Structures are given as C-alpha cells and as structure tokens.
Amino acid sequence: MVTTEDLKEKIIAGLNLEDIEANEISDSDPLFGEDGLGLDSVDAIELTLVVEKEYGVKITNIADAESIFATAESLCNYINEQKNT
C-alpha cells in the first residue's frame, strides 16, 4: 500500500521541487493553484508520468484527473485503488 509520505517524496523528486520537504505538505493541501503546492499544467503531465513510472498506475480517464490530482491524499487513494484492482 502506498502512503501519502511515500507519494509526497516521489512528487518532490519526480518534479525536482526544491526547498520543500514531504512533511511540509499536508495530505489535504491542494497540489495545484496558489493555495497549495502551486503545481501547474506542465507539472500535471510530469506528475502523471511519475505515477505511471513509480507505481504502474495509469490515469485513463482525463475527466477525472482534477479530482484525482486534487490533493496528495486523493492521488494516494486513487493509486491504491488501482493497484488493488
């Protein structure tokens, strides 16, 4: 089972985020936008590739991407659901 801490470490490494530690990201902080981690559309593509490479999980329905990538917790839940199917 993937944990949010593991996922946050992979996000930081995969997106080459500097000056931030996994423990500084709340599980419920938005990943995108000014109120959260501040990721943008280019980061979304890179994050999709990180999820596929690190966890073997593909985001097949783009319409669901906004809710899947909303927070570290929602992304972690999606990964775990997909790995268990």
Protein backbone atom coordinates (compact mmCIF):
# COMPACT_ATOMS: atom_id res chain seq x y z
CA MET A 1 0.00 0.00 0.00
CA VAL A 2 1.29 3.42 -0.98
CA THR A 3 1.41 6.01 1.79
CA THR A 4 0.99 9.75 1.34
CA GLU A 5 4.50 10.26 2.75
CA ASP A 6 5.98 7.98 0.09
CA LEU A 7 3.93 9.68 -2.60
CA LYS A 8 4.98 13.17 -1.49
CA GLU A 9 8.65 12.10 -1.61
CA LYS A 10 8.12 10.80 -5.17
CA ILE A 11 6.37 14.04 -6.18
CA ILE A 12 9.22 16.16 -4.81
CA ALA A 13 11.89 14.00 -6.50
CA GLY A 14 9.99 13.48 -9.75
CA LEU A 15 9.19 17.15 -10.25
CA ASN A 16 12.56 18.35 -8.94
CA LEU A 17 10.91 20.57 -6.35
CA GLU A 18 13.46 22.45 -4.31
CA ASP A 19 13.20 23.98 -0.85
CA ILE A 20 10.33 21.75 0.27
CA GLU A 21 10.19 18.63 2.40
CA ALA A 22 7.45 15.98 2.38
CA ASN A 23 6.46 16.84 5.94
CA GLU A 24 5.73 20.41 4.83
CA ILE A 25 2.96 19.21 2.51
CA SER A 26 -0.33 18.44 4.22
CA ASP A 27 -2.23 15.43 2.88
CA SER A 28 -5.19 17.74 2.22
CA ASP A 29 -3.28 20.67 0.66
CA PRO A 30 -4.22 21.31 -2.96
CA LEU A 31 -1.48 20.16 -5.32
CA PHE A 32 -2.37 22.80 -7.91
CA GLY A 33 -3.06 26.52 -7.61
CA GLU A 34 -1.76 29.27 -5.38
CA ASP A 35 -3.27 27.91 -2.16
CA GLY A 36 -1.36 24.66 -2.21
CA LEU A 37 1.82 23.25 -3.63
CA GLY A 38 1.49 25.52 -6.66
CA LEU A 39 1.84 22.97 -9.43
CA ASP A 40 0.81 23.94 -12.97
CA SER A 41 -0.32 22.17 -16.15
CA VAL A 42 3.21 21.15 -17.14
CA ASP A 43 3.66 19.66 -13.68
CA ALA A 44 0.43 17.71 -14.21
CA ILE A 45 1.94 15.95 -17.21
CA GLU A 46 5.14 15.21 -15.32
CA LEU A 47 3.18 14.03 -12.28
CA THR A 48 1.18 11.66 -14.49
CA LEU A 49 4.45 10.17 -15.74
CA VAL A 50 5.79 9.85 -12.17
CA VAL A 51 2.66 7.95 -11.11
CA GLU A 52 2.93 5.62 -14.11
CA LYS A 53 6.66 5.01 -13.66
CA GLU A 54 6.79 4.67 -9.89
CA TYR A 55 3.50 2.87 -9.25
CA GLY A 56 2.50 1.34 -12.59
CA VAL A 57 -0.83 3.18 -12.47
CA LYS A 58 -2.23 4.99 -15.49
CA ILE A 59 -4.70 7.84 -15.41
CA THR A 60 -7.08 6.61 -18.11
CA ASN A 61 -9.99 8.99 -17.68
CA ILE A 62 -8.78 12.56 -18.12
CA ALA A 63 -12.16 13.88 -16.98
CA ASP A 64 -11.39 12.51 -13.50
CA ALA A 65 -7.88 13.98 -13.39
CA GLU A 66 -8.92 17.11 -11.49
CA SER A 67 -10.37 15.14 -8.60
CA ILE A 68 -7.58 12.52 -8.68
CA PHE A 69 -4.84 15.17 -8.53
CA ALA A 70 -6.67 17.43 -6.07
CA THR A 71 -4.53 16.52 -3.05
CA ALA A 72 -1.79 14.08 -2.08
CA GLU A 73 -4.45 12.11 -0.22
CA SER A 74 -6.79 11.84 -3.23
CA LEU A 75 -3.93 10.81 -5.51
CA CYS A 76 -2.70 8.25 -2.99
CA ASN A 77 -6.22 6.81 -2.66
CA TYR A 78 -6.50 6.54 -6.46
CA ILE A 79 -3.14 4.77 -6.74
CA ASN A 80 -4.06 2.28 -4.02
CA GLU A 81 -7.49 1.62 -5.57
CA GLN A 82 -5.94 0.97 -8.98
CA LYS A 83 -3.22 -1.28 -7.60
CA ASN A 84 -5.86 -3.39 -5.83
CA THR A 85 -7.99 -3.98 -8.94
